[in-house]
Protein backbone atom coordinates (compact mmCIF):
# COMPACT_ATOMS: atom_id res chain seq x y z
CA MET A 1 14.39 -5.90 5.69
CA LYS A 2 14.95 -5.76 1.87
CA LEU A 3 12.53 -3.12 0.53
CA ALA A 4 12.92 -3.74 -3.20
CA PRO A 5 10.44 -6.61 -3.36
CA TYR A 6 7.65 -4.48 -1.90
CA ILE A 7 8.08 -1.63 -4.28
CA ASP A 8 5.87 -0.64 -7.19
CA HIS A 9 8.39 1.73 -8.94
CA THR A 10 6.02 4.49 -10.17
CA LEU A 11 5.85 7.22 -12.77
CA LEU A 12 2.36 8.46 -13.42
CA LYS A 13 2.82 12.21 -14.05
CA ALA A 14 1.39 13.64 -17.28
CA THR A 15 4.71 14.83 -18.45
CA ALA A 16 6.35 11.40 -18.40
CA THR A 17 8.48 10.85 -21.57
CA ARG A 18 9.46 7.67 -23.29
CA ALA A 19 12.98 8.02 -22.10
CA GLU A 20 11.87 8.41 -18.47
CA ILE A 21 9.78 5.18 -18.72
CA GLU A 22 12.72 3.43 -20.07
CA GLN A 23 14.82 4.62 -17.32
CA LEU A 24 12.05 3.57 -14.71
CA CYS A 25 11.99 0.08 -16.29
CA ALA A 26 15.79 -0.20 -16.25
CA GLU A 27 15.96 0.81 -12.60
CA ALA A 28 13.15 -1.79 -11.71
CA ARG A 29 15.19 -4.50 -13.47
CA GLU A 30 18.45 -3.33 -11.76
CA HIS A 31 17.15 -3.19 -8.25
CA GLY A 32 14.60 -6.08 -8.29
CA PHE A 33 11.60 -4.04 -7.74
CA TYR A 34 8.29 -6.03 -7.64
CA ALA A 35 6.69 -3.95 -10.43
CA VAL A 36 6.68 -0.69 -12.45
CA CYS A 37 3.56 1.40 -12.19
CA LEU A 38 2.79 3.64 -15.29
CA ASN A 39 0.04 5.11 -17.44
CA PRO A 40 -1.62 2.82 -19.95
CA VAL A 41 -0.04 4.50 -22.97
CA TYR A 42 3.38 3.09 -22.03
CA ILE A 43 2.41 -0.51 -21.34
CA PRO A 44 3.79 -1.71 -24.72
CA LEU A 45 7.04 0.09 -24.06
CA ALA A 46 7.29 -1.56 -20.57
CA VAL A 47 6.63 -4.93 -22.01
CA GLN A 48 9.57 -4.52 -24.33
CA ALA A 49 11.86 -3.01 -21.79
CA LEU A 50 11.14 -5.64 -19.21
CA ALA A 51 11.10 -8.68 -21.41
CA GLY A 52 12.90 -11.63 -19.67
CA SER A 53 12.77 -10.08 -16.21
CA ASP A 54 10.54 -10.81 -13.19
CA VAL A 55 9.33 -7.30 -12.86
CA LYS A 56 5.54 -7.05 -13.23
CA ILE A 57 3.75 -4.29 -15.10
CA ALA A 58 1.06 -2.40 -13.17
CA THR A 59 -1.05 0.29 -14.67
CA VAL A 60 -3.98 2.58 -13.65
CA CYS A 61 -7.69 2.75 -14.48
CA GLY A 62 -10.16 5.64 -14.08
CA PHE A 63 -7.16 7.52 -12.96
CA PRO A 64 -6.74 9.79 -10.92
CA LEU A 65 -10.36 10.90 -10.23
CA GLY A 66 -12.34 7.77 -10.44
CA ALA A 67 -15.10 9.82 -12.08
CA VAL A 68 -15.95 7.68 -15.22
CA GLY A 69 -18.50 5.01 -15.63
CA SER A 70 -18.02 1.53 -14.51
CA GLU A 71 -18.21 0.28 -18.03
CA GLN A 72 -15.51 2.78 -19.14
CA LYS A 73 -13.33 1.54 -16.37
CA ALA A 74 -13.78 -2.06 -17.31
CA VAL A 75 -12.99 -1.45 -20.87
CA GLU A 76 -9.90 0.49 -19.97
CA ALA A 77 -8.80 -2.22 -17.52
CA ARG A 78 -9.46 -5.00 -20.24
CA LEU A 79 -7.46 -3.22 -22.88
CA SER A 80 -4.59 -2.56 -20.49
CA ALA A 81 -4.52 -6.43 -19.70
CA GLU A 82 -4.69 -7.21 -23.40
CA ALA A 83 -1.61 -4.86 -23.88
CA GLY A 84 0.45 -6.68 -21.25
CA ALA A 85 -0.40 -5.29 -17.88
CA ASP A 86 -0.12 -7.82 -15.09
CA GLU A 87 -1.90 -5.53 -12.47
CA VAL A 88 -4.48 -2.69 -12.67
CA ASP A 89 -4.77 -0.05 -9.91
CA MET A 90 -8.40 1.40 -10.32
CA VAL A 91 -9.84 4.54 -8.51
CA ILE A 92 -13.27 4.07 -6.92
CA HIS A 93 -16.20 6.36 -7.45
CA ILE A 94 -15.05 8.78 -4.75
CA GLY A 95 -18.30 10.85 -4.75
CA ALA A 96 -20.34 7.59 -4.03
CA ALA A 97 -18.06 6.83 -1.12
CA LEU A 98 -18.66 10.27 0.42
CA ALA A 99 -22.34 9.59 0.04
CA GLY A 100 -22.07 6.25 1.74
CA ASP A 101 -23.41 4.54 -1.34
CA TRP A 102 -21.55 1.33 -0.98
CA ASP A 103 -23.60 -0.64 -3.45
CA THR A 104 -22.37 1.65 -6.18
CA VAL A 105 -18.77 1.47 -4.89
CA GLN A 106 -18.89 -2.31 -4.89
CA ALA A 107 -20.54 -2.47 -8.33
CA ASP A 108 -17.82 -0.30 -9.69
CA VAL A 109 -15.15 -2.52 -8.48
CA ARG A 110 -16.91 -5.73 -9.49
CA ALA A 111 -17.19 -4.45 -13.12
CA VAL A 112 -13.56 -4.10 -13.41
CA ARG A 113 -13.00 -7.44 -11.62
CA LYS A 114 -15.11 -9.07 -14.22
CA ALA A 115 -13.22 -7.50 -17.01
CA ILE A 116 -9.83 -8.78 -15.79
CA PRO A 117 -10.39 -12.01 -13.92
CA ASP A 118 -6.89 -13.21 -14.28
CA ARG A 119 -5.02 -10.04 -13.31
CA VAL A 120 -4.23 -8.47 -9.96
CA LEU A 121 -6.79 -5.75 -9.01
CA LYS A 122 -5.69 -2.98 -6.66
CA VAL A 123 -8.52 -0.64 -5.59
CA ILE A 124 -7.56 3.00 -4.73
CA ILE A 125 -9.86 4.42 -2.20
CA GLU A 126 -8.14 7.95 -1.88
CA THR A 127 -8.16 7.97 1.86
CA CYS A 128 -7.35 11.73 1.99
CA TYR A 129 -10.88 12.69 1.10
CA LEU A 130 -12.61 10.15 3.50
CA ASN A 131 -13.35 10.11 7.20
CA ASP A 132 -12.71 6.95 9.13
CA GLU A 133 -16.23 5.60 8.79
CA GLN A 134 -15.96 6.19 4.99
CA LYS A 135 -12.54 4.46 4.79
CA ARG A 136 -14.02 1.54 6.45
CA GLY A 137 -16.90 1.38 4.09
CA ALA A 138 -14.80 1.85 1.03
CA THR A 139 -12.34 -0.82 2.07
CA GLU A 140 -15.15 -3.31 2.67
CA ALA A 141 -16.86 -2.43 -0.54
CA ALA A 142 -13.51 -2.99 -2.45
CA VAL A 143 -13.11 -6.41 -0.83
CA GLN A 144 -16.57 -7.41 -1.55
CA GLY A 145 -16.18 -6.32 -5.13
CA GLY A 146 -13.22 -8.60 -5.63
CA ALA A 147 -10.13 -6.41 -4.89
CA ASP A 148 -6.94 -8.39 -4.41
CA PHE A 149 -5.49 -5.18 -2.79
CA VAL A 150 -6.85 -2.03 -1.28
CA LYS A 151 -4.66 0.99 -1.92
CA THR A 152 -4.53 4.17 0.00
CA SER A 153 -3.84 6.93 -2.50
CA THR A 154 -3.37 7.99 -6.14
CA GLY A 155 -0.62 10.54 -5.19
CA PHE A 156 -2.71 13.16 -6.91
CA GLY A 157 -4.95 13.90 -3.99
CA THR A 158 -4.39 16.24 -0.96
CA GLY A 159 -2.40 13.62 0.99
CA GLY A 160 -0.87 10.01 0.82
CA ALA A 161 -0.56 7.01 2.92
CA THR A 162 -0.63 7.21 6.70
CA LEU A 163 0.16 4.48 9.27
CA ASP A 164 -3.33 4.98 10.85
CA ASP A 165 -5.07 4.33 7.46
CA VAL A 166 -2.95 1.30 6.72
CA ARG A 167 -3.87 -0.10 10.32
CA LEU A 168 -7.55 0.77 9.73
CA MET A 169 -7.52 -0.99 6.41
CA ARG A 170 -5.80 -4.12 7.77
CA GLU A 171 -8.47 -4.32 10.47
CA VAL A 172 -11.39 -4.24 8.01
CA ILE A 173 -9.66 -6.52 5.53
CA ALA A 174 -9.06 -9.24 8.14
CA GLY A 175 -6.74 -11.25 5.84
CA ARG A 176 -9.13 -11.17 2.83
CA ALA A 177 -6.93 -8.95 0.74
CA GLN A 178 -3.64 -7.09 0.80
CA ILE A 179 -2.81 -3.45 1.28
CA LYS A 180 -0.80 -0.99 -0.93
CA ALA A 181 0.51 2.16 0.75
CA ALA A 182 1.06 4.91 -1.84
CA GLY A 183 2.26 8.36 -1.59
CA GLY A 184 4.36 10.06 0.90
CA VAL A 185 6.71 7.06 1.63
CA ARG A 186 9.84 9.26 2.01
CA THR A 187 12.45 7.34 4.00
CA PRO A 188 13.45 3.76 4.58
CA ASP A 189 11.99 4.08 8.07
CA ASP A 190 8.73 5.18 6.63
CA ALA A 191 8.72 2.16 4.31
CA ARG A 192 9.39 -0.29 7.04
CA ALA A 193 6.73 1.34 9.22
CA MET A 194 4.12 0.86 6.53
CA ILE A 195 5.07 -2.70 6.12
CA GLU A 196 4.96 -3.33 9.93
CA ALA A 197 1.50 -1.66 9.93
CA GLY A 198 0.22 -4.11 7.29
CA ALA A 199 1.29 -3.05 3.81
CA THR A 200 2.49 -5.63 1.55
CA ARG A 201 3.16 -3.29 -1.41
CA LEU A 202 4.49 0.22 -1.56
CA GLY A 203 3.77 2.81 -4.34
CA THR A 204 6.58 5.28 -4.75
CA SER A 205 8.51 7.13 -7.23
CA GLY A 206 11.57 7.15 -5.01
CA GLY A 207 12.29 3.48 -4.95
CA VAL A 208 15.86 3.90 -5.91
CA ALA A 209 16.54 6.25 -3.04
CA LEU A 210 14.76 4.03 -0.59
CA VAL A 211 16.73 0.98 -1.36
CA ALA A 212 19.91 3.06 -1.17
CA GLY A 213 18.93 4.13 2.37
CA ASP A 214 18.21 7.73 1.39
CA ARG A 215 15.32 10.16 1.67
CA THR A 216 13.13 10.50 -1.45
CA GLY A 217 12.03 13.71 -3.04
CA GLU A 218 8.71 15.46 -2.68
CA GLY A 219 6.96 13.69 -5.48
CA TYR A 220 4.70 10.57 -5.41
């Protein structure tokens, strides 16, 4: 199994520098990763660095807490799309999910969907904070709100993707959307197991190590 086409090569830390983003893009181009995933401030740099390649540019919205208003998320997503992002990974209103307020979660997703109708929308439900019932509700609300993907994690919470969570999400989605497993994918075996469980995209900062058959570090 070739892992590169599944990988969103990711650098979202606050300390990321221009040189590191240029390296991220060069690695993505070299290895044929599906996308790079970076903070919005670096979208123009990625557009320049990836010109002429097939690598997509993904960015984040309401990240990492999800605790800004839906209108703010929508504006952020629209500006990112205008800057050149092909995909947007938004964070849900986690507090609403914990309260079981699925109308609010769905409306939050729908606001961003309306703002970027022609871009891929991935919705991060931050599974580490939710019980199984809440994961199911959040996954369904994301799909109902128009998500193309439901994503497990930001990588900034207390835990990342698990096989059980990917399987749960696959069951709820029932073919209506795709799944991105993010955070904690450390080895090629981890990556393959996530794909076999139902993930069609992997978010990792260790993509180069994974395609080389090595273990990644302890980051995202």
